[in-house]
């Protein structure tokens, strides 16, 4: 505020305006003229031509349930493998079924994926150390999460156009919010 007052006073003008004036406004910092459409050599309008619209962000997981997944309007029942742009049934029943053989489809891809996101159901489960070693040898980063978080991580990485794949096991049915009744019929 003090700097603006000093600069305004030093120009020997008194500004009576409700508009705020930039702190370092000075007649010496102004142009002598402004460019306009008549200045053909110095003034050119910018135009943008869209040659090709950007492709969509690949597949996205819209919802999940204990039955399966809704992926771009496709209902997938049971565990699935997402290898954009493909959606495949994945023959695993639980995290114990994730073996070197069951993840072989992820490391045989060309171009190779950067990140594999595994959703292990309702909770994060430990994987067999041989699976971890195989993915490390193939230079594939692994993210093991519960399925809800794995879905969000896959969507985020896929929207960033990363070379990502996912193996997802549907979460189990949760009874956490159910009203329990005792034998007398009273709810707890």
N, C-alpha and C. Protein backbone atom coordinates (compact mmCIF):
# COMPACT_ATOMS: atom_id res chain seq x y z
N UNK A 1 0.83 -1.18 0.00
CA UNK A 1 0.00 0.00 0.00
C UNK A 1 0.87 1.24 0.00
N UNK A 2 1.91 1.25 0.82
CA UNK A 2 2.80 2.40 0.89
C UNK A 2 3.56 2.59 -0.42
N UNK A 3 3.95 1.50 -1.05
CA UNK A 3 4.67 1.60 -2.32
C UNK A 3 3.77 2.21 -3.39
N UNK A 4 2.49 1.84 -3.40
CA UNK A 4 1.56 2.38 -4.39
C UNK A 4 1.36 3.87 -4.15
N UNK A 5 1.25 4.27 -2.90
CA UNK A 5 1.06 5.68 -2.58
C UNK A 5 2.27 6.49 -3.00
N UNK A 6 3.48 5.98 -2.72
CA UNK A 6 4.69 6.70 -3.10
C UNK A 6 4.82 6.82 -4.60
N UNK A 7 4.52 5.76 -5.33
CA UNK A 7 4.61 5.84 -6.79
C UNK A 7 3.57 6.79 -7.35
N UNK A 8 2.38 6.79 -6.79
CA UNK A 8 1.34 7.70 -7.29
C UNK A 8 1.70 9.15 -7.00
N UNK A 9 2.30 9.39 -5.84
CA UNK A 9 2.69 10.74 -5.50
C UNK A 9 3.85 11.22 -6.34
N UNK A 10 4.77 10.29 -6.69
CA UNK A 10 5.95 10.69 -7.45
C UNK A 10 5.61 11.05 -8.88
N UNK A 11 4.49 10.61 -9.40
CA UNK A 11 4.11 10.95 -10.77
C UNK A 11 3.38 12.29 -10.82
N UNK A 12 3.19 12.91 -9.67
CA UNK A 12 2.54 14.22 -9.57
C UNK A 12 1.11 14.18 -10.07
N UNK A 13 0.47 13.04 -9.94
CA UNK A 13 -0.94 12.94 -10.29
C UNK A 13 -1.68 12.40 -9.08
N UNK A 14 -2.87 12.79 -8.94
CA UNK A 14 -3.71 12.28 -7.89
C UNK A 14 -4.78 11.42 -8.53
N UNK A 15 -4.81 10.16 -8.18
CA UNK A 15 -5.78 9.25 -8.76
C UNK A 15 -6.95 9.10 -7.81
N UNK A 16 -8.12 9.49 -8.25
CA UNK A 16 -9.33 9.33 -7.46
C UNK A 16 -10.19 8.29 -8.15
N UNK A 17 -9.91 7.06 -7.84
CA UNK A 17 -10.63 5.97 -8.49
C UNK A 17 -10.85 4.87 -7.47
N UNK A 18 -11.99 4.19 -7.59
CA UNK A 18 -12.25 3.06 -6.71
C UNK A 18 -11.55 1.79 -7.20
N UNK A 19 -11.07 1.82 -8.47
CA UNK A 19 -10.34 0.66 -9.00
C UNK A 19 -8.98 0.58 -8.35
N UNK A 20 -8.56 -0.65 -8.09
CA UNK A 20 -7.22 -0.79 -7.54
C UNK A 20 -6.21 -0.64 -8.66
N UNK A 21 -5.15 0.02 -8.37
CA UNK A 21 -4.11 0.29 -9.35
C UNK A 21 -2.95 -0.64 -9.04
N UNK A 22 -2.32 -1.23 -10.06
CA UNK A 22 -1.17 -2.08 -9.78
C UNK A 22 -0.12 -1.34 -8.99
N UNK A 23 0.56 -2.03 -8.11
CA UNK A 23 1.50 -1.41 -7.20
C UNK A 23 2.63 -0.68 -7.93
N UNK A 24 3.06 -1.14 -9.06
CA UNK A 24 4.17 -0.53 -9.76
C UNK A 24 3.72 0.10 -11.08
N UNK A 25 2.55 0.73 -11.07
CA UNK A 25 2.12 1.41 -12.29
C UNK A 25 2.85 2.74 -12.39
N UNK A 26 3.34 3.01 -13.54
CA UNK A 26 4.10 4.22 -13.78
C UNK A 26 3.92 4.61 -15.23
N UNK A 27 3.89 5.87 -15.54
CA UNK A 27 3.77 6.27 -16.94
C UNK A 27 4.97 5.82 -17.76
N UNK A 28 6.09 5.55 -17.12
CA UNK A 28 7.28 5.13 -17.85
C UNK A 28 7.22 3.66 -18.25
N UNK A 29 6.32 2.89 -17.61
CA UNK A 29 6.21 1.48 -17.91
C UNK A 29 5.11 1.20 -18.94
N UNK A 30 4.45 2.22 -19.43
CA UNK A 30 3.36 2.05 -20.40
C UNK A 30 3.90 2.12 -21.81
N UNK A 31 3.23 1.42 -22.73
CA UNK A 31 3.61 1.51 -24.14
C UNK A 31 3.10 2.82 -24.74
N UNK A 32 3.79 3.27 -25.75
CA UNK A 32 3.37 4.49 -26.42
C UNK A 32 2.16 4.23 -27.29
N UNK A 33 2.01 3.01 -27.78
CA UNK A 33 0.85 2.67 -28.59
C UNK A 33 0.51 1.20 -28.35
N UNK A 34 -0.68 0.83 -28.72
CA UNK A 34 -1.07 -0.57 -28.59
C UNK A 34 -1.23 -1.17 -29.98
N UNK A 35 -1.00 -2.44 -30.06
CA UNK A 35 -1.11 -3.13 -31.34
C UNK A 35 -2.58 -3.38 -31.66
N UNK A 36 -2.92 -3.27 -32.89
CA UNK A 36 -4.29 -3.51 -33.31
C UNK A 36 -4.34 -4.29 -34.60
N UNK A 37 -5.53 -4.64 -35.06
CA UNK A 37 -5.65 -5.42 -36.29
C UNK A 37 -5.05 -4.76 -37.52
N UNK A 38 -4.87 -3.43 -37.50
CA UNK A 38 -4.30 -2.77 -38.68
C UNK A 38 -2.79 -2.97 -38.78
N UNK A 39 -2.15 -3.35 -37.72
CA UNK A 39 -0.71 -3.61 -37.75
C UNK A 39 -0.46 -5.03 -38.25
N UNK A 40 -0.45 -5.20 -39.57
CA UNK A 40 -0.39 -6.53 -40.16
C UNK A 40 0.89 -7.28 -39.82
N UNK A 41 2.00 -6.59 -39.78
CA UNK A 41 3.25 -7.28 -39.57
C UNK A 41 3.45 -7.73 -38.12
N UNK A 42 2.94 -6.96 -37.19
CA UNK A 42 3.18 -7.28 -35.79
C UNK A 42 2.00 -7.94 -35.10
N UNK A 43 0.81 -7.79 -35.65
CA UNK A 43 -0.38 -8.33 -35.00
C UNK A 43 -0.95 -9.44 -35.85
N UNK A 44 -0.97 -10.64 -35.31
CA UNK A 44 -1.56 -11.78 -36.03
C UNK A 44 -2.47 -12.52 -35.09
N UNK A 45 -3.63 -12.86 -35.58
CA UNK A 45 -4.55 -13.63 -34.77
C UNK A 45 -4.06 -15.07 -34.70
N UNK A 46 -4.27 -15.69 -33.53
CA UNK A 46 -3.90 -17.08 -33.35
C UNK A 46 -5.11 -17.95 -33.64
N UNK A 47 -4.91 -18.97 -34.44
CA UNK A 47 -5.98 -19.91 -34.72
C UNK A 47 -5.53 -21.31 -34.34
N UNK A 48 -6.49 -22.12 -33.97
CA UNK A 48 -6.20 -23.50 -33.60
C UNK A 48 -7.08 -24.40 -34.44
N UNK A 49 -6.45 -25.35 -35.10
CA UNK A 49 -7.19 -26.35 -35.86
C UNK A 49 -6.97 -27.70 -35.21
N UNK A 50 -8.06 -28.37 -34.88
CA UNK A 50 -7.95 -29.69 -34.27
C UNK A 50 -7.91 -30.71 -35.39
N UNK A 51 -6.75 -31.35 -35.52
CA UNK A 51 -6.58 -32.32 -36.57
C UNK A 51 -7.20 -33.66 -36.21
N UNK A 52 -6.98 -34.08 -34.97
CA UNK A 52 -7.51 -35.36 -34.52
C UNK A 52 -7.82 -35.25 -33.04
N UNK A 53 -9.01 -35.61 -32.69
CA UNK A 53 -9.38 -35.57 -31.27
C UNK A 53 -8.58 -36.64 -30.52
N UNK A 54 -8.27 -36.32 -29.28
CA UNK A 54 -7.51 -37.25 -28.45
C UNK A 54 -8.35 -38.49 -28.19
N UNK A 55 -7.71 -39.63 -28.26
CA UNK A 55 -8.42 -40.88 -28.01
C UNK A 55 -8.86 -40.93 -26.56
N UNK A 56 -9.87 -41.76 -26.28
CA UNK A 56 -10.35 -41.86 -24.91
C UNK A 56 -9.26 -42.46 -24.02
N UNK A 57 -9.51 -42.44 -22.74
CA UNK A 57 -8.50 -42.86 -21.79
C UNK A 57 -8.46 -44.36 -21.56
N UNK A 58 -8.94 -45.16 -22.48
CA UNK A 58 -8.92 -46.60 -22.31
C UNK A 58 -10.07 -47.06 -21.45
N UNK A 59 -9.92 -48.21 -20.84
CA UNK A 59 -11.01 -48.75 -20.06
C UNK A 59 -10.98 -48.21 -18.63
N UNK A 60 -12.17 -48.04 -18.07
CA UNK A 60 -12.30 -47.54 -16.71
C UNK A 60 -13.24 -48.45 -15.92
N UNK A 61 -12.91 -48.67 -14.68
CA UNK A 61 -13.76 -49.46 -13.79
C UNK A 61 -14.75 -48.50 -13.15
N UNK A 62 -16.03 -48.70 -13.42
CA UNK A 62 -17.05 -47.79 -12.90
C UNK A 62 -17.59 -48.24 -11.54
N UNK A 63 -17.67 -49.54 -11.31
CA UNK A 63 -18.16 -50.02 -10.01
C UNK A 63 -17.72 -51.47 -9.81
N UNK A 64 -17.85 -51.91 -8.58
CA UNK A 64 -17.51 -53.30 -8.22
C UNK A 64 -18.52 -53.78 -7.19
N UNK A 65 -18.65 -55.08 -7.08
CA UNK A 65 -19.53 -55.69 -6.09
C UNK A 65 -18.99 -57.09 -5.80
N UNK A 66 -19.59 -57.81 -4.86
CA UNK A 66 -19.14 -59.18 -4.63
C UNK A 66 -19.37 -60.09 -5.84
N UNK A 67 -20.25 -59.67 -6.75
CA UNK A 67 -20.52 -60.46 -7.96
C UNK A 67 -19.48 -60.23 -9.06
N UNK A 68 -18.91 -59.02 -9.12
CA UNK A 68 -17.97 -58.71 -10.19
C UNK A 68 -17.79 -57.21 -10.38
N UNK A 69 -17.63 -56.80 -11.64
CA UNK A 69 -17.24 -55.43 -11.94
C UNK A 69 -18.07 -54.87 -13.10
N UNK A 70 -18.22 -53.54 -13.10
CA UNK A 70 -18.81 -52.83 -14.23
C UNK A 70 -17.66 -52.04 -14.86
N UNK A 71 -17.25 -52.48 -16.04
CA UNK A 71 -16.11 -51.87 -16.72
C UNK A 71 -16.60 -51.31 -18.04
N UNK A 72 -16.69 -49.98 -18.10
CA UNK A 72 -17.20 -49.29 -19.30
C UNK A 72 -18.54 -49.86 -19.76
N UNK A 73 -19.43 -50.15 -18.85
CA UNK A 73 -20.75 -50.68 -19.20
C UNK A 73 -20.80 -52.18 -19.40
N UNK A 74 -19.66 -52.84 -19.39
CA UNK A 74 -19.61 -54.30 -19.50
C UNK A 74 -19.64 -54.90 -18.10
N UNK A 75 -20.56 -55.82 -17.88
CA UNK A 75 -20.62 -56.49 -16.57
C UNK A 75 -19.75 -57.74 -16.63
N UNK A 76 -18.78 -57.77 -15.75
CA UNK A 76 -17.85 -58.89 -15.68
C UNK A 76 -18.10 -59.60 -14.35
N UNK A 77 -18.45 -60.88 -14.42
CA UNK A 77 -18.73 -61.65 -13.22
C UNK A 77 -17.49 -62.41 -12.78
N UNK A 78 -17.15 -62.28 -11.50
CA UNK A 78 -16.00 -62.98 -10.96
C UNK A 78 -14.71 -62.24 -11.20
N UNK A 79 -13.59 -62.88 -10.88
CA UNK A 79 -12.27 -62.25 -11.07
C UNK A 79 -12.00 -61.93 -12.54
N UNK A 80 -11.29 -60.85 -12.77
CA UNK A 80 -10.99 -60.47 -14.16
C UNK A 80 -9.57 -59.91 -14.25
N UNK A 81 -9.05 -59.98 -15.47
CA UNK A 81 -7.75 -59.40 -15.80
C UNK A 81 -8.01 -58.28 -16.79
N UNK A 82 -7.49 -57.10 -16.49
CA UNK A 82 -7.64 -55.94 -17.37
C UNK A 82 -6.30 -55.64 -18.01
N UNK A 83 -6.27 -55.81 -19.31
CA UNK A 83 -5.08 -55.50 -20.08
C UNK A 83 -5.56 -54.60 -21.21
N UNK A 84 -5.55 -53.27 -20.97
CA UNK A 84 -6.15 -52.37 -21.96
C UNK A 84 -5.68 -52.67 -23.37
N UNK A 85 -6.63 -52.78 -24.29
CA UNK A 85 -8.07 -52.54 -24.18
C UNK A 85 -8.89 -53.80 -23.88
N UNK A 86 -8.28 -54.89 -23.46
CA UNK A 86 -8.98 -56.16 -23.27
C UNK A 86 -9.46 -56.34 -21.83
N UNK A 87 -10.59 -57.03 -21.70
CA UNK A 87 -11.12 -57.43 -20.41
C UNK A 87 -11.25 -58.95 -20.46
N UNK A 88 -10.56 -59.66 -19.58
CA UNK A 88 -10.53 -61.12 -19.62
C UNK A 88 -11.00 -61.70 -18.30
N UNK A 89 -11.63 -62.87 -18.35
CA UNK A 89 -11.92 -63.61 -17.12
C UNK A 89 -10.60 -64.14 -16.61
N UNK A 90 -10.41 -64.12 -15.31
CA UNK A 90 -9.16 -64.56 -14.70
C UNK A 90 -9.49 -65.73 -13.79
N UNK A 91 -8.87 -66.85 -14.02
CA UNK A 91 -9.24 -68.08 -13.31
C UNK A 91 -8.51 -68.21 -11.97
N UNK A 92 -8.83 -67.30 -11.06
CA UNK A 92 -8.36 -67.40 -9.69
C UNK A 92 -9.58 -67.25 -8.78
N UNK A 93 -9.55 -67.92 -7.65
CA UNK A 93 -10.67 -67.82 -6.73
C UNK A 93 -10.36 -66.94 -5.54
N UNK A 94 -9.09 -66.94 -5.13
CA UNK A 94 -8.67 -66.13 -3.99
C UNK A 94 -7.21 -65.76 -4.18
N UNK A 95 -6.67 -65.04 -3.22
CA UNK A 95 -5.27 -64.61 -3.34
C UNK A 95 -4.31 -65.80 -3.28
N UNK A 96 -4.73 -66.92 -2.68
CA UNK A 96 -3.87 -68.12 -2.66
C UNK A 96 -3.70 -68.72 -4.06
N UNK A 97 -4.66 -68.42 -4.95
CA UNK A 97 -4.59 -68.96 -6.32
C UNK A 97 -3.72 -68.11 -7.25
N UNK A 98 -3.19 -67.00 -6.76
CA UNK A 98 -2.32 -66.17 -7.59
C UNK A 98 -0.93 -66.80 -7.57
N UNK A 99 -0.59 -67.45 -8.67
CA UNK A 99 0.68 -68.16 -8.79
C UNK A 99 1.45 -67.63 -9.99
N UNK A 100 2.64 -68.18 -10.20
CA UNK A 100 3.43 -67.79 -11.37
C UNK A 100 2.66 -68.09 -12.65
N UNK A 101 1.93 -69.18 -12.66
CA UNK A 101 1.17 -69.55 -13.85
C UNK A 101 0.00 -68.59 -14.08
N UNK A 102 -0.69 -68.20 -13.02
CA UNK A 102 -1.86 -67.34 -13.19
C UNK A 102 -1.49 -65.91 -13.59
N UNK A 103 -0.28 -65.46 -13.28
CA UNK A 103 0.12 -64.12 -13.71
C UNK A 103 0.94 -64.15 -15.00
N UNK A 104 1.10 -65.32 -15.59
CA UNK A 104 1.91 -65.42 -16.81
C UNK A 104 1.35 -64.56 -17.95
N UNK A 105 0.05 -64.37 -18.00
CA UNK A 105 -0.51 -63.56 -19.08
C UNK A 105 -0.09 -62.10 -18.95
N UNK A 106 0.29 -61.65 -17.77
CA UNK A 106 0.68 -60.25 -17.59
C UNK A 106 2.12 -59.98 -18.04
N UNK A 107 3.01 -60.95 -17.92
CA UNK A 107 4.40 -60.68 -18.30
C UNK A 107 4.73 -61.13 -19.71
N UNK A 108 3.78 -61.69 -20.44
CA UNK A 108 4.03 -62.08 -21.82
C UNK A 108 3.58 -61.02 -22.82
N UNK A 109 3.14 -59.90 -22.35
CA UNK A 109 2.61 -58.85 -23.23
C UNK A 109 3.72 -58.11 -23.96
N UNK A 110 3.38 -57.62 -25.12
CA UNK A 110 4.30 -56.79 -25.89
C UNK A 110 3.52 -55.59 -26.40
N UNK A 111 3.81 -54.37 -26.10
CA UNK A 111 4.91 -53.91 -25.25
C UNK A 111 4.65 -54.30 -23.80
N UNK A 112 5.71 -54.52 -23.05
CA UNK A 112 5.53 -54.98 -21.66
C UNK A 112 4.88 -53.90 -20.80
N UNK A 113 4.11 -54.34 -19.83
CA UNK A 113 3.48 -53.39 -18.93
C UNK A 113 4.50 -52.88 -17.92
N UNK A 114 4.24 -51.67 -17.39
CA UNK A 114 5.11 -51.09 -16.38
C UNK A 114 4.67 -51.51 -14.98
N UNK A 115 3.35 -51.52 -14.78
CA UNK A 115 2.79 -51.72 -13.45
C UNK A 115 1.66 -52.73 -13.51
N UNK A 116 1.67 -53.65 -12.56
CA UNK A 116 0.57 -54.59 -12.40
C UNK A 116 -0.11 -54.28 -11.07
N UNK A 117 -1.40 -54.00 -11.13
CA UNK A 117 -2.19 -53.71 -9.94
C UNK A 117 -3.01 -54.95 -9.62
N UNK A 118 -2.82 -55.51 -8.43
CA UNK A 118 -3.58 -56.69 -8.02
C UNK A 118 -4.53 -56.31 -6.89
N UNK A 119 -5.81 -56.59 -7.10
CA UNK A 119 -6.82 -56.40 -6.08
C UNK A 119 -7.14 -57.75 -5.47
N UNK A 120 -6.86 -57.92 -4.19
CA UNK A 120 -6.96 -59.24 -3.56
C UNK A 120 -8.26 -59.45 -2.78
N UNK A 121 -9.29 -58.71 -3.10
CA UNK A 121 -10.57 -58.89 -2.41
C UNK A 121 -10.83 -57.79 -1.41
N UNK A 122 -11.45 -58.15 -0.30
CA UNK A 122 -11.84 -57.15 0.71
C UNK A 122 -10.66 -56.63 1.53
N UNK A 123 -9.58 -57.40 1.59
CA UNK A 123 -8.42 -56.96 2.34
C UNK A 123 -7.14 -57.27 1.57
N UNK A 124 -6.08 -56.61 1.96
CA UNK A 124 -4.78 -56.84 1.32
C UNK A 124 -4.25 -58.19 1.82
N UNK A 125 -3.85 -59.03 0.89
CA UNK A 125 -3.32 -60.36 1.22
C UNK A 125 -1.87 -60.46 0.76
N UNK A 126 -1.11 -61.28 1.44
CA UNK A 126 0.28 -61.52 1.03
C UNK A 126 0.29 -62.47 -0.17
N UNK A 127 1.25 -62.22 -1.06
CA UNK A 127 1.40 -63.09 -2.23
C UNK A 127 2.57 -64.04 -2.03
N UNK A 128 2.56 -65.08 -2.81
CA UNK A 128 3.63 -66.07 -2.80
C UNK A 128 4.95 -65.36 -3.19
N UNK A 129 6.03 -65.55 -2.45
CA UNK A 129 7.29 -64.90 -2.78
C UNK A 129 7.81 -65.23 -4.19
N UNK A 130 7.48 -66.40 -4.73
CA UNK A 130 7.93 -66.75 -6.08
C UNK A 130 7.25 -65.84 -7.12
N UNK A 131 6.02 -65.42 -6.85
CA UNK A 131 5.32 -64.49 -7.76
C UNK A 131 6.01 -63.14 -7.74
N UNK A 132 6.36 -62.68 -6.55
CA UNK A 132 7.06 -61.40 -6.42
C UNK A 132 8.42 -61.43 -7.13
N UNK A 133 9.13 -62.53 -6.97
CA UNK A 133 10.44 -62.66 -7.61
C UNK A 133 10.32 -62.69 -9.14
N UNK A 134 9.31 -63.38 -9.65
CA UNK A 134 9.10 -63.43 -11.10
C UNK A 134 8.84 -62.05 -11.67
N UNK A 135 7.96 -61.29 -11.04
CA UNK A 135 7.66 -59.95 -11.53
C UNK A 135 8.87 -59.03 -11.43
N UNK A 136 9.67 -59.22 -10.40
CA UNK A 136 10.89 -58.42 -10.27
C UNK A 136 11.87 -58.74 -11.39
N UNK A 137 12.01 -60.02 -11.73
CA UNK A 137 12.89 -60.42 -12.84
C UNK A 137 12.40 -59.85 -14.17
N UNK A 138 11.09 -59.75 -14.34
CA UNK A 138 10.50 -59.23 -15.58
C UNK A 138 10.42 -57.70 -15.59
N UNK A 139 10.87 -57.08 -14.50
CA UNK A 139 10.87 -55.62 -14.35
C UNK A 139 9.47 -55.02 -14.45
N UNK A 140 8.55 -55.65 -13.77
CA UNK A 140 7.18 -55.16 -13.69
C UNK A 140 6.93 -54.75 -12.24
N UNK A 141 6.59 -53.49 -12.05
CA UNK A 141 6.29 -53.01 -10.70
C UNK A 141 4.95 -53.61 -10.27
N UNK A 142 4.83 -53.93 -9.00
CA UNK A 142 3.63 -54.57 -8.49
C UNK A 142 3.01 -53.72 -7.40
N UNK A 143 1.70 -53.56 -7.47
CA UNK A 143 0.94 -52.85 -6.45
C UNK A 143 -0.15 -53.79 -5.98
N UNK A 144 -0.05 -54.28 -4.75
CA UNK A 144 -1.03 -55.20 -4.18
C UNK A 144 -1.89 -54.41 -3.20
N UNK A 145 -3.21 -54.39 -3.46
CA UNK A 145 -4.13 -53.62 -2.62
C UNK A 145 -5.43 -54.39 -2.46
N UNK A 146 -6.28 -53.91 -1.56
CA UNK A 146 -7.63 -54.45 -1.53
C UNK A 146 -8.32 -53.99 -2.81
N UNK A 147 -9.34 -54.71 -3.24
CA UNK A 147 -9.94 -54.45 -4.56
C UNK A 147 -10.49 -53.04 -4.72
N UNK A 148 -11.20 -52.45 -3.75
CA UNK A 148 -11.67 -51.07 -3.96
C UNK A 148 -10.54 -50.10 -4.27
N UNK A 149 -9.45 -50.18 -3.53
CA UNK A 149 -8.31 -49.29 -3.79
C UNK A 149 -7.59 -49.65 -5.08
N UNK A 150 -7.54 -50.93 -5.41
CA UNK A 150 -6.90 -51.36 -6.66
C UNK A 150 -7.67 -50.81 -7.87
N UNK A 151 -9.00 -50.79 -7.78
CA UNK A 151 -9.80 -50.23 -8.88
C UNK A 151 -9.48 -48.75 -9.09
N UNK A 152 -9.40 -47.99 -8.00
CA UNK A 152 -9.09 -46.57 -8.09
C UNK A 152 -7.67 -46.35 -8.63
N UNK A 153 -6.72 -47.15 -8.16
CA UNK A 153 -5.34 -47.02 -8.63
C UNK A 153 -5.24 -47.33 -10.12
N UNK A 154 -5.91 -48.40 -10.56
CA UNK A 154 -5.90 -48.74 -11.98
C UNK A 154 -6.49 -47.60 -12.81
N UNK A 155 -7.63 -47.06 -12.40
CA UNK A 155 -8.25 -45.97 -13.14
C UNK A 155 -7.33 -44.76 -13.23
N UNK A 156 -6.67 -44.44 -12.14
CA UNK A 156 -5.76 -43.29 -12.12
C UNK A 156 -4.58 -43.50 -13.05
N UNK A 157 -3.92 -44.65 -12.94
CA UNK A 157 -2.75 -44.92 -13.78
C UNK A 157 -3.14 -45.01 -15.25
N UNK A 158 -4.29 -45.60 -15.52
CA UNK A 158 -4.75 -45.73 -16.90
C UNK A 158 -5.09 -44.37 -17.49
N UNK A 159 -5.66 -43.47 -16.69
CA UNK A 159 -5.98 -42.13 -17.19
C UNK A 159 -4.72 -41.33 -17.47
N UNK A 160 -3.63 -41.69 -16.82
CA UNK A 160 -2.33 -41.05 -17.10
C UNK A 160 -1.61 -41.69 -18.28
N UNK A 161 -2.27 -42.66 -18.91
CA UNK A 161 -1.74 -43.38 -20.07
C UNK A 161 -0.48 -44.17 -19.75
N UNK A 162 -0.42 -44.69 -18.55
CA UNK A 162 0.69 -45.57 -18.17
C UNK A 162 0.39 -46.96 -18.72
N UNK A 163 1.42 -47.75 -18.94
CA UNK A 163 1.26 -49.13 -19.38
C UNK A 163 0.94 -49.97 -18.15
N UNK A 164 -0.34 -50.10 -17.86
CA UNK A 164 -0.80 -50.72 -16.63
C UNK A 164 -1.76 -51.86 -16.95
N UNK A 165 -1.75 -52.88 -16.10
CA UNK A 165 -2.71 -53.98 -16.19
C UNK A 165 -3.18 -54.25 -14.77
N UNK A 166 -4.31 -54.95 -14.66
CA UNK A 166 -4.85 -55.24 -13.33
C UNK A 166 -5.39 -56.66 -13.29
N UNK A 167 -5.22 -57.28 -12.16
CA UNK A 167 -5.85 -58.55 -11.83
C UNK A 167 -6.72 -58.31 -10.61
N UNK A 168 -8.02 -58.49 -10.76
CA UNK A 168 -8.94 -58.10 -9.70
C UNK A 168 -9.80 -59.27 -9.24
N UNK A 169 -9.87 -59.47 -7.94
CA UNK A 169 -10.75 -60.44 -7.32
C UNK A 169 -11.86 -59.64 -6.65
N UNK A 170 -13.14 -59.94 -6.93
CA UNK A 170 -14.21 -59.15 -6.31
C UNK A 170 -14.15 -59.22 -4.78
N UNK A 171 -14.49 -58.10 -4.11
CA UNK A 171 -14.50 -58.13 -2.65
C UNK A 171 -15.63 -59.01 -2.16
N UNK A 172 -15.45 -59.60 -0.98
CA UNK A 172 -16.51 -60.45 -0.42
C UNK A 172 -17.64 -59.57 0.11
N UNK A 173 -18.78 -60.19 0.30
CA UNK A 173 -19.94 -59.49 0.80
C UNK A 173 -19.69 -59.07 2.24
N UNK A 174 -19.92 -57.80 2.53
CA UNK A 174 -19.68 -57.28 3.87
C UNK A 174 -20.98 -57.24 4.67
N UNK A 175 -20.92 -57.71 5.88
CA UNK A 175 -22.08 -57.66 6.77
C UNK A 175 -21.90 -56.58 7.85
N UNK A 176 -20.97 -55.68 7.65
CA UNK A 176 -20.64 -54.68 8.66
C UNK A 176 -21.81 -53.74 8.95
N UNK A 177 -22.64 -53.43 7.98
CA UNK A 177 -23.72 -52.47 8.18
C UNK A 177 -25.08 -53.12 8.42
N UNK A 178 -25.12 -54.41 8.52
CA UNK A 178 -26.40 -55.08 8.75
C UNK A 178 -26.86 -54.89 10.19
N UNK A 179 -28.16 -54.83 10.37
CA UNK A 179 -28.72 -54.75 11.71
C UNK A 179 -28.85 -56.17 12.22
N UNK A 180 -28.27 -56.42 13.37
CA UNK A 180 -28.30 -57.76 13.95
C UNK A 180 -29.46 -57.87 14.93
N UNK A 181 -30.14 -58.99 14.91
CA UNK A 181 -31.24 -59.21 15.85
C UNK A 181 -30.89 -60.39 16.74
N UNK A 182 -31.20 -60.21 18.02
CA UNK A 182 -30.96 -61.33 18.92
C UNK A 182 -32.17 -62.27 18.90
N UNK A 183 -32.15 -63.29 19.69
CA UNK A 183 -33.20 -64.30 19.66
C UNK A 183 -34.57 -63.76 20.08
N UNK A 184 -34.62 -62.70 20.86
CA UNK A 184 -35.90 -62.15 21.30
C UNK A 184 -36.52 -61.25 20.25
N UNK A 185 -35.80 -60.95 19.16
CA UNK A 185 -36.34 -60.12 18.08
C UNK A 185 -35.94 -58.66 18.20
N UNK A 186 -35.21 -58.31 19.25
CA UNK A 186 -34.74 -56.94 19.40
C UNK A 186 -33.50 -56.72 18.54
N UNK A 187 -33.43 -55.55 17.91
CA UNK A 187 -32.24 -55.26 17.08
C UNK A 187 -31.18 -54.61 17.94
N UNK A 188 -29.96 -54.92 17.58
CA UNK A 188 -28.80 -54.38 18.32
C UNK A 188 -28.12 -53.31 17.51
